Amino acid sequence: MTMRITATPQQSGTTIKVDGHLRREDVGELTRVCGEQAGPADLDLTDVRSIDREAAAVLRQLLKTVELRAASPYIKLLLEAGAEPLRGGKEDEV
């Protein structure tokens, strides 16, 4: 497994923290966890190391229903602007 999802209840809602490398095969689980929250939820992507294109597209949709609490500047740029990723070592990883 390349990523971990942790849902932590808070007084103001639930914080959903994602760690690791988020890929298309992982977004179904993240979508499920976000959808299970009864109240407000926010997403903490501080420790996300990379996301692929499909995961970024799903995250953009999720951000319509959950609030982005934290993320690296690069991940924020990809999500907020829908920017094309810079080319690195792996073509489909950003």
Protein backbone atom coordinates (compact mmCIF):
# COMPACT_ATOMS: atom_id res chain seq x y z
CA MET A 1 0.00 0.00 0.00
CA THR A 2 1.40 3.36 -0.97
CA MET A 3 -0.89 5.59 1.08
CA ARG A 4 -2.72 5.78 4.38
CA ILE A 5 -6.00 7.50 5.27
CA THR A 6 -6.76 8.46 8.86
CA ALA A 7 -10.09 10.00 9.90
CA THR A 8 -9.91 11.84 13.23
CA PRO A 9 -13.06 13.25 14.83
CA GLN A 10 -12.75 16.86 16.04
CA GLN A 11 -15.30 19.12 17.75
CA SER A 12 -15.87 21.00 14.50
CA GLY A 13 -16.03 17.90 12.27
CA THR A 14 -13.66 15.22 11.01
CA THR A 15 -10.13 15.69 9.73
CA ILE A 16 -9.22 13.21 7.01
CA LYS A 17 -5.44 12.93 6.71
CA VAL A 18 -3.80 11.32 3.70
CA ASP A 19 -0.15 10.23 3.79
CA GLY A 20 2.03 8.85 1.01
CA HIS A 21 1.53 8.52 -2.73
CA LEU A 22 -2.06 8.92 -3.92
CA ARG A 23 -2.83 7.03 -7.12
CA ARG A 24 -5.95 6.25 -9.13
CA GLU A 25 -6.35 2.87 -7.42
CA ASP A 26 -6.51 4.63 -4.03
CA VAL A 27 -9.10 7.32 -4.72
CA GLY A 28 -12.07 4.98 -4.35
CA GLU A 29 -11.18 4.43 -0.70
CA LEU A 30 -10.63 8.15 -0.12
CA THR A 31 -13.97 8.96 -1.74
CA ARG A 32 -15.66 6.34 0.46
CA VAL A 33 -14.11 7.71 3.66
CA CYS A 34 -15.08 11.28 2.76
CA GLY A 35 -18.62 10.21 1.90
CA GLU A 36 -19.09 8.39 5.21
CA GLN A 37 -18.65 11.54 7.28
CA ALA A 38 -21.92 12.61 8.91
CA GLY A 39 -20.84 16.20 9.52
CA PRO A 40 -18.30 18.63 8.14
CA ALA A 41 -14.96 17.21 7.05
CA ASP A 42 -11.66 18.68 6.04
CA LEU A 43 -8.80 17.12 4.13
CA ASP A 44 -5.18 17.28 5.28
CA LEU A 45 -2.78 16.50 2.42
CA THR A 46 0.35 17.77 4.18
CA ASP A 47 2.12 14.42 3.92
CA VAL A 48 1.01 13.51 0.39
CA ARG A 49 4.22 12.99 -1.57
CA SER A 50 2.72 12.66 -5.05
CA ILE A 51 -0.57 12.27 -6.89
CA ASP A 52 -1.24 10.96 -10.35
CA ARG A 53 -3.52 12.70 -12.85
CA GLU A 54 -6.60 10.60 -12.11
CA ALA A 55 -6.23 11.09 -8.35
CA ALA A 56 -5.84 14.86 -8.84
CA ALA A 57 -9.07 14.95 -10.87
CA VAL A 58 -10.95 13.06 -8.15
CA LEU A 59 -9.49 15.31 -5.44
CA ARG A 60 -10.72 18.38 -7.31
CA GLN A 61 -14.24 16.89 -7.22
CA LEU A 62 -13.93 15.97 -3.52
CA LEU A 63 -12.97 19.54 -2.69
CA LYS A 64 -16.49 20.57 -3.67
CA THR A 65 -17.77 18.70 -0.59
CA VAL A 66 -14.83 18.76 1.86
CA GLU A 67 -12.51 21.61 2.78
CA LEU A 68 -8.80 21.50 2.06
CA ARG A 69 -7.14 22.03 5.44
CA ALA A 70 -3.49 21.73 4.44
CA ALA A 71 -1.27 20.67 1.53
CA SER A 72 2.16 21.40 0.15
CA PRO A 73 2.35 24.42 -2.17
CA TYR A 74 2.86 22.15 -5.19
CA ILE A 75 -0.15 19.93 -4.40
CA LYS A 76 -2.27 23.05 -3.79
CA LEU A 77 -1.22 24.46 -7.14
CA LEU A 78 -2.18 21.26 -8.93
CA LEU A 79 -5.56 21.10 -7.21
CA GLU A 80 -6.59 24.75 -7.18
CA ALA A 81 -5.44 25.68 -10.64
CA GLY A 82 -5.87 22.32 -12.32
CA ALA A 83 -2.33 22.84 -13.55
CA GLU A 84 -0.54 20.33 -15.69
CA PRO A 85 2.11 18.55 -13.64
CA LEU A 86 5.78 19.15 -14.22
CA ARG A 87 7.57 16.22 -15.77
CA GLY A 88 9.64 14.21 -13.33
CA GLY A 89 10.96 10.71 -13.14
CA LYS A 90 7.60 8.99 -13.76
CA GLU A 91 5.42 10.38 -16.51
CA ASP A 92 2.03 9.86 -14.87
CA GLU A 93 3.08 10.87 -11.35
CA VAL A 94 3.00 14.48 -10.19
